[in-house]
Amino acid sequence: MKKTMRILYIFIIFLALSGLFAACSDDGADNNNQNGQRDSGDDSGANDAAAAEPADYFEARKQVQDSLPEMDFGGEEIKALLFDVYKPFIMSEEAIGEIVNDAVYAANLAVSERFNIKFTHVGEGLGEIQQVELFRRTVKSGDDAFHFASLHDLASAPLSLEGCFVDAYDMKYLDFDKPWWNKDVLEDFTVFNQCYAIFPAMSYMGLARSRVLFMNEDKMADFGLALPYDEVINGTWTLDKLIALTKGAYRDLNGSGAPDNDDFYGFISERAFYGALDSFDIPTMGRGPDGLVSLVADMAKISAMIEKLYDWLIVSGDARFLLEKDGMVGNDLRCDEFAAGKALIQRGQMFEALPELLGSDINYGILPMPKLDERQEKYRTSCGEFLVAVPVTVSGELLDRVSVIIEAMSAEGYKHVFPAYFKIALQVKYFDNQSVQMIDIISENRKPSFSFTYDSGGILSYTVHQMLSSGGAPTRDFASYYERREGQLQGQINRINNAFIKLDAERG
């Protein structure tokens, strides 16, 4: 059955691809069609999405024009330093008949032809840490081996403090008023009027690596549970309601008398529970009146989060939360067990889960992570998006040209690459209004986090992992946990501030 379904989905993907590029190939015709146009920053966008056909839903994106001048770079080579595994998110050398790859290829080709440039991939064969070290060595030696890079967020954050990155505000042609720039993220990563880490829309990585919930709709029906889509839309989808859905769901399928991998669970999560503070909108680092970083963590809120997660993930028996003693390799969990029908709900990243789910027999839904409670203003989507950086070896007119290319690639990503991934992530499998709304809410609330990225060593950002699954016995005693780390966190904040003050002084 799965093989038959996979063939069917491949056929549907082919049809979707044909339709997508038929729609995108004639911009002149599209300019006369204003159906479905909406303000991407409007919280009511999900309802607009539900009321429109998917082609119309994305029409507004194609209508947005960039503010770039017409320029000819005379065939100049633009070199990008990209970690091999994540290169496909940004660059593709050829069309292969796969919807997302071909959208990336078309975006690259459009920018290349418009500005008469040639893209080159630098750093082939490197791992993510090796790539960061190559960036550091290259900049320190004064070499100009590449023009921009997509770097692992946590591993590369120290480079920005060492003065290796160009300030985003010095890139002449980046237009932060355009919808392909997330203004909340830009503000969050700005310290002392400087921003050295940007997350442009040239890549679909932010959506693909969004940490979301996958729900088995058939099992929900078997348990007599209502699907929580309306609660999500109404803003009342909370951690307590997620926990309540999973209560009593555990089933000892193999009769072993003890929980194991073969049983059914109400909830499955990866061991690290990455981005928990981000998902529940609990920043640890904010800005003071002087524009410098300050400690803003709400300790009472973090403690309440730990209490709830401890009772659920450790005590209840309804959840499968992998501990280090389980011998799990790495921190991520694929969706093979969920795809085999062994869980009601699973937390995971879309790009890891979808290859398994698209070929399974599971009728699944995608949900955003819930709010911690109804006092939380917005849903927040934690995402493992890599930052884009321009090395300080790029300057003058070359920097202007590189900023043109980054802006143009971001516009193409926003208008064409994101819709392609949206279709493969959701509409091929589920072509209904509620699912469109869920992905729209997830996407609109994606937010790479300064607190996570610059929390060297995971002082607070790894709280769930370190308290509940790493090393010794799980604990709910957040007060003691924080007491041991408060000085360490304040020391990191001081290092960040000192670095930004120094960089500002060096700029004159």
Protein backbone atom coordinates (compact mmCIF):
# COMPACT_ATOMS: atom_id res chain seq x y z
CA MET A 1 0.00 0.00 0.00
CA LYS A 2 2.78 2.44 0.93
CA LYS A 3 4.57 1.87 -2.38
CA THR A 4 1.34 2.57 -4.26
CA MET A 5 0.71 5.69 -2.21
CA ARG A 6 4.27 6.93 -2.78
CA ILE A 7 3.85 6.54 -6.55
CA LEU A 8 0.55 8.43 -6.32
CA TYR A 9 2.18 11.28 -4.40
CA ILE A 10 5.04 11.50 -6.86
CA PHE A 11 2.47 11.83 -9.64
CA ILE A 12 0.59 14.54 -7.71
CA ILE A 13 3.86 16.36 -7.04
CA PHE A 14 4.58 16.30 -10.76
CA LEU A 15 1.18 17.85 -11.46
CA ALA A 16 1.72 20.46 -8.74
CA LEU A 17 5.12 21.28 -10.20
CA SER A 18 3.64 21.72 -13.65
CA GLY A 19 0.96 24.03 -12.29
CA LEU A 20 3.36 26.02 -10.16
CA PHE A 21 5.75 26.84 -12.96
CA ALA A 22 2.96 27.47 -15.41
CA ALA A 23 1.73 30.10 -12.96
CA CYS A 24 5.21 31.51 -12.35
CA SER A 25 6.43 31.58 -15.95
CA ASP A 26 4.21 34.43 -17.16
CA ASP A 27 4.69 37.42 -14.88
CA GLY A 28 2.85 39.66 -17.29
CA ALA A 29 -0.34 37.66 -16.91
CA ASP A 30 0.12 37.48 -13.14
CA ASN A 31 0.38 41.25 -12.85
CA ASN A 32 -3.23 41.55 -13.99
CA ASN A 33 -4.48 39.15 -11.31
CA GLN A 34 -4.89 40.66 -7.84
CA ASN A 35 -6.99 37.86 -6.35
CA GLY A 36 -6.04 36.75 -2.86
CA GLN A 37 -3.73 39.69 -2.21
CA ARG A 38 -3.11 40.28 1.47
CA ASP A 39 -0.72 41.92 3.90
CA SER A 40 1.65 39.17 5.05
CA GLY A 41 1.97 40.87 8.41
CA ASP A 42 -1.77 40.76 9.12
CA ASP A 43 -2.76 38.25 11.79
CA SER A 44 -5.97 37.59 9.84
CA GLY A 45 -3.93 36.15 6.98
CA ALA A 46 -4.82 32.58 7.91
CA ASN A 47 -8.50 33.30 7.31
CA ASP A 48 -7.68 34.91 3.95
CA ALA A 49 -5.75 31.75 3.07
CA ALA A 50 -8.74 29.59 3.85
CA ALA A 51 -10.99 31.63 1.59
CA ALA A 52 -8.70 31.51 -1.45
CA GLU A 53 -7.54 28.88 -3.86
CA PRO A 54 -3.84 28.10 -3.28
CA ALA A 55 -2.79 29.71 -6.56
CA ASP A 56 -4.51 32.91 -5.46
CA TYR A 57 -3.18 32.62 -1.93
CA PHE A 58 0.38 33.02 -3.22
CA GLU A 59 -0.49 35.54 -5.91
CA ALA A 60 0.09 38.47 -3.54
CA ARG A 61 3.69 37.35 -3.04
CA LYS A 62 4.44 37.50 -6.74
CA GLN A 63 3.04 41.01 -6.96
CA VAL A 64 5.58 42.46 -4.49
CA GLN A 65 8.36 44.20 -6.39
CA ASP A 66 11.86 44.70 -5.02
CA SER A 67 13.49 48.12 -5.01
CA LEU A 68 16.70 47.06 -6.76
CA PRO A 69 18.05 49.02 -9.74
CA GLU A 70 18.76 47.29 -13.02
CA MET A 71 22.46 46.40 -12.99
CA ASP A 72 24.84 44.28 -15.06
CA PHE A 73 27.72 42.67 -13.16
CA GLY A 74 29.45 41.49 -16.33
CA GLY A 75 29.41 37.77 -15.57
CA GLU A 76 30.96 38.20 -12.11
CA GLU A 77 31.31 35.06 -10.02
CA ILE A 78 29.43 35.19 -6.70
CA LYS A 79 30.85 32.59 -4.36
CA ALA A 80 28.75 31.14 -1.53
CA LEU A 81 30.23 29.14 1.35
CA LEU A 82 27.62 26.47 2.04
CA PHE A 83 27.61 23.38 4.24
CA ASP A 84 26.89 20.44 1.90
CA VAL A 85 23.84 19.07 3.71
CA TYR A 86 22.08 22.45 3.64
CA LYS A 87 23.23 23.65 0.23
CA PRO A 88 19.96 22.47 -1.41
CA PHE A 89 18.02 24.97 0.69
CA ILE A 90 19.76 27.84 -1.14
CA MET A 91 21.40 26.64 -4.34
CA SER A 92 20.64 24.17 -7.11
CA GLU A 93 22.64 23.63 -10.31
CA GLU A 94 19.92 21.95 -12.36
CA ALA A 95 16.22 21.15 -12.60
CA ILE A 96 15.50 17.52 -11.76
CA GLY A 97 11.70 17.41 -11.84
CA GLU A 98 11.28 17.81 -8.06
CA ILE A 99 9.12 20.74 -7.03
CA VAL A 100 11.29 22.35 -4.35
CA ASN A 101 14.67 21.75 -5.97
CA ASP A 102 13.37 23.16 -9.23
CA ALA A 103 11.95 26.23 -7.51
CA VAL A 104 15.39 26.87 -5.97
CA TYR A 105 17.00 26.35 -9.39
CA ALA A 106 14.54 28.74 -11.04
CA ALA A 107 15.20 31.37 -8.36
CA ASN A 108 18.98 31.07 -8.80
CA LEU A 109 18.62 31.25 -12.57
CA ALA A 110 16.38 34.33 -12.40
CA VAL A 111 18.91 36.22 -10.27
CA SER A 112 21.85 35.05 -12.41
CA GLU A 113 20.24 36.21 -15.64
CA ARG A 114 18.89 39.46 -14.24
CA PHE A 115 22.26 40.67 -12.94
CA ASN A 116 24.57 38.69 -15.24
CA ILE A 117 26.38 36.73 -12.54
CA LYS A 118 27.48 33.16 -11.97
CA PHE A 119 26.91 31.37 -8.66
CA THR A 120 29.66 29.13 -7.28
CA HIS A 121 29.52 26.81 -4.29
CA VAL A 122 32.61 26.97 -2.04
CA GLY A 123 33.50 24.53 0.73
CA GLU A 124 32.30 21.29 -0.82
CA GLY A 125 32.64 18.29 1.47
CA LEU A 126 32.87 20.29 4.69
CA GLY A 127 30.84 19.63 7.82
CA GLU A 128 29.05 22.47 9.56
CA ILE A 129 31.79 23.03 12.18
CA GLN A 130 34.53 22.76 9.55
CA GLN A 131 32.69 25.36 7.50
CA VAL A 132 32.61 27.80 10.41
CA GLU A 133 36.33 27.30 11.03
CA LEU A 134 37.07 27.85 7.34
CA PHE A 135 35.14 31.12 7.53
CA ARG A 136 37.20 32.24 10.54
CA ARG A 137 40.56 31.29 9.00
CA THR A 138 39.70 32.91 5.68
CA VAL A 139 38.66 36.20 7.24
CA LYS A 140 41.61 36.32 9.64
CA SER A 141 44.00 35.77 6.73
CA GLY A 142 42.36 38.56 4.69
CA ASP A 143 41.44 36.20 1.86
CA ASP A 144 38.34 36.86 -0.27
CA ALA A 145 37.56 33.24 -1.10
CA PHE A 146 33.80 33.72 -0.84
CA HIS A 147 31.21 36.51 -0.74
CA PHE A 148 28.56 35.23 1.63
CA ALA A 149 27.89 32.13 3.69
CA SER A 150 25.01 30.27 5.29
CA LEU A 151 26.34 29.17 8.67
CA HIS A 152 25.23 27.04 11.60
CA ASP A 153 23.64 29.52 13.99
CA LEU A 154 25.11 28.39 17.32
CA ALA A 155 28.54 27.51 15.97
CA SER A 156 28.98 30.78 14.08
CA ALA A 157 27.61 33.26 16.65
CA PRO A 158 31.10 33.73 18.17
CA LEU A 159 32.39 34.85 14.76
CA SER A 160 30.09 37.85 14.85
CA LEU A 161 31.59 38.87 18.19
CA GLU A 162 35.09 38.57 16.72
CA GLY A 163 34.33 41.08 13.98
CA CYS A 164 34.21 38.58 11.12
CA PHE A 165 30.81 39.64 9.73
CA VAL A 166 29.66 42.75 7.88
CA ASP A 167 26.97 44.75 9.70
CA ALA A 168 23.67 44.19 7.90
CA TYR A 169 22.93 47.91 8.14
CA ASP A 170 26.02 48.58 5.99
CA MET A 171 24.62 46.52 3.11
CA LYS A 172 23.28 49.26 0.86
CA TYR A 173 20.66 47.33 -1.07
CA LEU A 174 19.01 45.32 1.71
CA ASP A 175 15.51 46.76 1.97
CA PHE A 176 14.22 45.76 5.39
CA ASP A 177 10.79 47.24 4.65
CA LYS A 178 10.10 44.41 2.20
CA PRO A 179 8.04 41.42 3.39
CA TRP A 180 10.87 38.93 2.82
CA TRP A 181 12.58 40.37 5.90
CA ASN A 182 11.21 39.45 9.32
CA LYS A 183 11.30 42.73 11.24
CA ASP A 184 10.90 41.02 14.62
CA VAL A 185 14.00 38.93 13.95
CA LEU A 186 15.97 41.92 12.69
CA GLU A 187 15.11 43.86 15.83
CA ASP A 188 15.94 40.88 18.05
CA PHE A 189 19.43 40.51 16.52
CA THR A 190 20.22 44.22 16.63
CA VAL A 191 22.53 45.23 19.48
CA PHE A 192 23.89 48.74 19.93
CA ASN A 193 22.53 49.63 16.45
CA GLN A 194 24.43 46.77 14.81
CA CYS A 195 23.22 43.47 13.34
CA TYR A 196 25.69 40.80 12.24
CA ALA A 197 23.35 37.85 11.70
CA ILE A 198 20.55 37.95 9.14
CA PHE A 199 17.95 35.38 8.13
CA PRO A 200 16.83 36.31 4.61
CA ALA A 201 14.05 34.53 2.75
CA MET A 202 16.43 33.23 0.07
CA SER A 203 16.13 29.83 1.76
CA TYR A 204 13.11 27.75 2.71
CA MET A 205 15.10 26.32 5.61
CA GLY A 206 13.23 28.34 8.22
CA LEU A 207 9.94 26.64 7.34
CA ALA A 208 11.48 23.24 6.67
CA ARG A 209 13.26 23.22 10.03
CA SER A 210 10.30 24.60 11.98
CA ARG A 211 9.56 22.59 15.10
CA VAL A 212 5.92 21.62 14.89
CA LEU A 213 3.49 18.93 16.01
CA PHE A 214 2.29 16.08 13.80
CA MET A 215 -1.11 14.65 14.74
CA ASN A 216 -2.58 11.29 13.73
CA GLU A 217 -6.15 12.25 12.84
CA ASP A 218 -7.37 8.64 12.60
CA LYS A 219 -6.10 7.86 16.10
CA MET A 220 -7.69 11.08 17.37
CA ALA A 221 -11.01 9.77 16.05
CA ASP A 222 -10.42 6.33 17.59
CA PHE A 223 -9.90 7.98 20.98
CA GLY A 224 -12.99 10.15 20.51
CA LEU A 225 -10.95 13.35 20.56
CA ALA A 226 -11.86 16.54 18.73
CA LEU A 227 -9.22 17.93 16.37
CA PRO A 228 -7.81 21.13 17.91
CA TYR A 229 -7.72 23.22 14.72
CA ASP A 230 -10.39 25.65 15.92
CA GLU A 231 -8.54 26.18 19.19
CA VAL A 232 -5.38 27.02 17.26
CA ILE A 233 -7.24 29.54 15.11
CA ASN A 234 -8.97 31.07 18.13
CA GLY A 235 -5.66 31.50 19.95
CA THR A 236 -6.60 29.13 22.78
CA TRP A 237 -4.27 26.24 21.90
CA THR A 238 -2.14 25.83 25.06
CA LEU A 239 0.29 23.35 26.60
CA ASP A 240 -2.38 22.20 29.07
CA LYS A 241 -4.71 21.35 26.19
CA LEU A 242 -1.99 19.43 24.36
CA ILE A 243 -1.22 17.46 27.51
CA ALA A 244 -4.92 16.74 28.06
CA LEU A 245 -5.22 15.28 24.56
CA THR A 246 -2.51 12.72 25.30
CA LYS A 247 -3.77 11.70 28.74
CA GLY A 248 -4.35 7.97 29.02
CA ALA A 249 -3.30 7.29 25.43
CA TYR A 250 -0.46 4.86 26.25
CA ARG A 251 -1.03 1.27 25.11
CA ASP A 252 1.26 -1.71 25.84
CA LEU A 253 1.05 -3.14 22.32
CA ASN A 254 3.52 -6.00 22.75
CA GLY A 255 2.36 -7.07 26.20
CA SER A 256 5.82 -6.67 27.72
CA GLY A 257 4.46 -4.98 30.82
CA ALA A 258 6.86 -2.05 30.42
CA PRO A 259 7.05 0.94 28.07
CA ASP A 260 9.29 0.33 25.07
CA ASN A 261 9.73 1.28 21.42
CA ASP A 262 6.97 -1.04 20.25
CA ASP A 263 4.20 0.56 22.30
CA PHE A 264 1.74 3.34 21.48
CA TYR A 265 2.16 6.76 23.12
CA GLY A 266 0.13 9.91 23.36
CA PHE A 267 3.19 12.00 22.60
CA ILE A 268 6.73 11.49 21.32
CA SER A 269 9.48 14.10 21.44
CA GLU A 270 13.14 14.28 20.58
CA ARG A 271 15.43 14.17 23.61
CA ALA A 272 16.75 17.72 23.34
CA PHE A 273 13.32 19.40 23.06
CA TYR A 274 15.15 22.12 21.16
CA GLY A 275 13.74 25.63 21.21
CA ALA A 276 11.38 25.10 24.16
CA LEU A 277 11.85 28.62 25.52
CA ASP A 278 11.38 30.07 22.03
CA SER A 279 8.24 28.00 21.43
CA PHE A 280 6.73 29.32 24.65
CA ASP A 281 7.88 32.89 23.93
CA ILE A 282 10.27 33.15 26.88
CA PRO A 283 13.28 35.21 25.77
CA THR A 284 16.26 35.28 28.11
CA MET A 285 18.06 38.25 26.55
CA GLY A 286 16.40 41.58 25.78
CA ARG A 287 17.58 45.15 25.21
CA GLY A 288 18.08 47.90 27.73
CA PRO A 289 17.48 51.62 27.04
CA ASP A 290 21.09 51.91 25.86
CA GLY A 291 20.55 49.27 23.16
CA LEU A 292 22.75 46.72 24.91
CA VAL A 293 21.78 43.19 25.92
CA SER A 294 20.11 42.71 29.28
CA LEU A 295 18.86 39.68 31.20
CA VAL A 296 15.06 39.49 30.88
CA ALA A 297 14.29 35.82 31.56
CA ASP A 298 11.01 35.30 33.40
CA MET A 299 12.16 32.74 35.97
CA ALA A 300 8.66 32.08 37.27
CA LYS A 301 7.46 31.31 33.76
CA ILE A 302 10.38 28.96 33.04
CA SER A 303 9.80 27.19 36.36
CA ALA A 304 6.10 26.73 35.54
CA MET A 305 7.06 25.31 32.12
CA ILE A 306 9.45 22.80 33.70
CA GLU A 307 6.81 21.70 36.22
CA LYS A 308 4.31 20.96 33.46
CA LEU A 309 6.83 19.20 31.21
CA TYR A 310 8.23 17.13 34.08
CA ASP A 311 4.81 15.83 35.11
CA TRP A 312 3.93 15.07 31.49
CA LEU A 313 7.15 13.78 29.93
CA ILE A 314 8.64 12.03 32.95
CA VAL A 315 5.80 11.07 35.30
CA SER A 316 2.58 10.54 33.36
CA GLY A 317 3.58 7.55 31.23
CA ASP A 318 1.64 9.05 28.32
CA ALA A 319 4.74 10.41 26.60
CA ARG A 320 7.87 8.87 25.15
CA PHE A 321 10.66 11.31 25.93
CA LEU A 322 14.01 9.80 25.04
CA LEU A 323 16.62 10.05 27.75
CA GLU A 324 20.38 9.61 27.29
CA LYS A 325 20.12 6.18 28.88
CA ASP A 326 17.92 5.14 25.94
CA GLY A 327 21.04 5.18 23.75
CA MET A 328 19.62 7.62 21.25
CA VAL A 329 22.08 8.75 18.59
CA GLY A 330 22.05 12.52 18.22
CA ASN A 331 19.31 14.85 19.37
CA ASP A 332 16.74 14.58 16.62
CA LEU A 333 14.00 12.04 16.20
CA ARG A 334 12.71 10.95 12.84
CA CYS A 335 9.04 10.26 12.32
CA ASP A 336 9.27 6.57 11.48
CA GLU A 337 7.44 5.50 14.64
CA PHE A 338 4.74 8.13 14.19
CA ALA A 339 4.44 7.14 10.51
CA ALA A 340 3.95 3.55 11.66
CA GLY A 341 0.99 4.63 13.79
CA LYS A 342 2.67 4.41 17.21
CA ALA A 343 1.83 7.87 18.49
CA LEU A 344 -1.07 10.26 18.71
CA ILE A 345 1.13 13.36 18.42
CA GLN A 346 4.82 13.86 17.74
CA ARG A 347 7.05 16.91 17.94
CA GLY A 348 9.56 17.23 15.12
CA GLN A 349 10.92 19.23 12.20
CA MET A 350 9.11 19.18 8.89
CA PHE A 351 12.08 18.41 6.66
CA GLU A 352 12.89 15.31 8.74
CA ALA A 353 9.31 14.12 9.05
CA LEU A 354 7.79 14.72 5.63
CA PRO A 355 9.81 12.12 3.67
CA GLU A 356 8.40 9.46 6.01
CA LEU A 357 4.89 10.88 6.26
CA LEU A 358 4.29 11.50 2.55
CA GLY A 359 4.78 7.81 1.89
CA SER A 360 2.81 6.51 4.87
CA ASP A 361 -0.84 5.60 5.32
CA ILE A 362 -1.22 8.07 8.20
CA ASN A 363 -3.84 10.77 7.86
CA TYR A 364 -1.83 13.42 9.61
CA GLY A 365 -2.32 17.04 10.51
CA ILE A 366 0.31 19.66 11.29
CA LEU A 367 -0.10 21.92 14.32
CA PRO A 368 1.96 24.75 15.76
CA MET A 369 3.52 24.29 19.16
CA PRO A 370 0.99 25.52 21.72
CA LYS A 371 1.23 28.61 23.86
CA LEU A 372 2.47 28.07 27.40
CA ASP A 373 -0.86 29.51 28.55
CA GLU A 374 -3.47 31.92 27.23
CA ARG A 375 -1.53 34.90 28.56
CA GLN A 376 1.03 34.28 25.80
CA GLU A 377 0.21 36.79 23.07
CA LYS A 378 1.28 34.85 19.97
CA TYR A 379 2.21 31.36 18.93
CA ARG A 380 5.94 31.11 18.42
CA THR A 381 7.63 28.71 16.01
CA SER A 382 11.15 27.73 16.97
CA CYS A 383 13.15 26.99 13.84
CA GLY A 384 16.67 25.79 13.18
CA GLU A 385 17.36 28.35 10.48
CA PHE A 386 20.99 29.02 9.55
CA LEU A 387 22.13 32.61 9.54
CA VAL A 388 23.56 34.35 6.49
CA ALA A 389 26.76 36.33 6.91
CA VAL A 390 28.99 38.41 4.64
CA PRO A 391 32.69 38.32 5.57
CA VAL A 392 34.41 41.62 6.35
CA THR A 393 36.81 40.87 3.49
CA VAL A 394 33.95 42.00 1.23
CA SER A 395 33.79 45.80 1.11
CA GLY A 396 33.21 48.85 -1.11
CA GLU A 397 31.51 48.31 -4.46
CA LEU A 398 31.80 44.54 -4.10
CA LEU A 399 29.78 44.70 -0.89
CA ASP A 400 27.12 46.71 -2.72
CA ARG A 401 26.93 44.06 -5.43
CA VAL A 402 26.72 41.24 -2.88
CA SER A 403 23.91 43.07 -1.07
CA VAL A 404 22.05 43.30 -4.40
CA ILE A 405 22.34 39.53 -4.85
CA ILE A 406 21.22 38.73 -1.30
CA GLU A 407 18.21 41.02 -1.67
CA ALA A 408 17.29 39.58 -5.07
CA MET A 409 17.64 35.99 -3.84
CA SER A 410 15.48 36.84 -0.84
CA ALA A 411 12.76 38.27 -3.08
CA GLU A 412 12.82 35.18 -5.29
CA GLY A 413 12.71 32.91 -2.25
CA TYR A 414 9.73 34.77 -0.84
CA LYS A 415 7.81 34.79 -4.11
CA HIS A 416 8.60 31.33 -5.52
CA VAL A 417 10.65 29.00 -3.31
CA PHE A 418 8.51 29.30 -0.18
CA PRO A 419 5.27 28.54 -2.08
CA ALA A 420 6.89 25.45 -3.60
CA TYR A 421 7.82 24.08 -0.19
CA PHE A 422 4.43 25.04 1.18
CA LYS A 423 2.81 22.87 -1.49
CA ILE A 424 5.02 19.82 -0.93
CA ALA A 425 4.87 20.16 2.86
CA LEU A 426 1.14 20.35 3.04
CA GLN A 427 -1.11 20.61 0.04
CA VAL A 428 0.04 17.48 -1.76
CA LYS A 429 -0.96 15.46 1.27
CA TYR A 430 -3.76 17.59 2.65
CA PHE A 431 -5.56 19.96 0.34
CA ASP A 432 -7.92 21.54 2.82
CA ASN A 433 -8.50 24.94 4.37
CA GLN A 434 -7.64 24.04 7.95
CA SER A 435 -4.24 22.70 6.99
CA VAL A 436 -3.49 25.83 4.98
CA GLN A 437 -4.33 27.87 8.06
CA MET A 438 -2.05 25.80 10.31
CA ILE A 439 0.99 26.19 8.07
CA ASP A 440 0.24 29.88 7.63
CA ILE A 441 0.20 30.36 11.41
CA ILE A 442 3.42 28.34 11.78
CA SER A 443 5.15 30.33 9.06
CA GLU A 444 3.96 33.77 10.17
CA ASN A 445 5.24 33.12 13.70
CA ARG A 446 8.66 31.65 12.84
CA LYS A 447 11.35 33.45 14.77
CA PRO A 448 15.03 32.58 14.95
CA SER A 449 16.04 33.71 18.41
CA PHE A 450 18.93 35.88 19.60
CA SER A 451 18.55 34.33 23.07
CA PHE A 452 19.04 30.85 21.62
CA THR A 453 21.75 31.74 19.11
CA TYR A 454 23.96 33.68 21.51
CA ASP A 455 23.40 31.50 24.59
CA SER A 456 26.88 29.97 24.41
CA GLY A 457 26.82 26.38 25.61
CA GLY A 458 23.06 26.40 26.13
CA ILE A 459 23.16 28.03 29.55
CA LEU A 460 19.38 28.52 29.62
CA SER A 461 18.24 27.62 26.10
CA TYR A 462 18.87 23.91 26.80
CA THR A 463 17.02 23.96 30.11
CA VAL A 464 14.52 21.23 29.21
CA HIS A 465 17.21 18.95 27.84
CA GLN A 466 19.58 19.47 30.74
CA MET A 467 16.99 19.20 33.50
CA LEU A 468 14.88 16.35 32.14
CA SER A 469 17.01 14.14 29.93
CA SER A 470 20.74 14.87 30.12
CA GLY A 471 22.93 12.91 32.50
CA GLY A 472 21.57 12.16 35.98
CA ALA A 473 18.05 11.89 37.32
CA PRO A 474 15.46 14.27 35.85
CA THR A 475 14.61 17.17 38.15
CA ARG A 476 11.92 19.83 38.43
CA ASP A 477 14.05 22.09 40.68
CA PHE A 478 14.58 25.03 38.35
CA ALA A 479 15.56 27.41 41.15
CA SER A 480 18.68 25.38 41.94
CA TYR A 481 19.42 24.87 38.25
CA TYR A 482 19.31 28.62 37.61
CA GLU A 483 21.30 29.52 40.71
CA ARG A 484 24.23 27.47 39.38
CA ARG A 485 24.08 29.23 36.00
CA GLU A 486 23.12 32.82 36.71
CA GLY A 487 26.70 34.07 36.87
CA GLN A 488 27.58 32.16 33.71
CA LEU A 489 24.68 33.72 31.83
CA GLN A 490 25.49 37.23 33.01
CA GLY A 491 29.10 36.67 31.99
CA GLN A 492 27.98 35.74 28.48
CA ILE A 493 25.81 38.86 28.30
CA ASN A 494 28.79 40.98 29.36
CA ARG A 495 30.95 39.39 26.62
CA ILE A 496 28.29 40.12 24.01
CA ASN A 497 27.96 43.74 25.08
CA ASN A 498 31.70 44.32 25.26
CA ALA A 499 32.10 42.87 21.76
CA PHE A 500 29.40 45.10 20.24
CA ILE A 501 30.80 48.19 22.00
CA LYS A 502 34.26 47.38 20.67
CA LEU A 503 32.98 46.77 17.13
CA ASP A 504 31.13 50.08 17.22
CA ALA A 505 34.26 51.91 18.34
CA GLU A 506 36.37 50.29 15.59
CA ARG A 507 33.87 51.46 12.99
CA GLY A 508 34.39 55.03 14.18
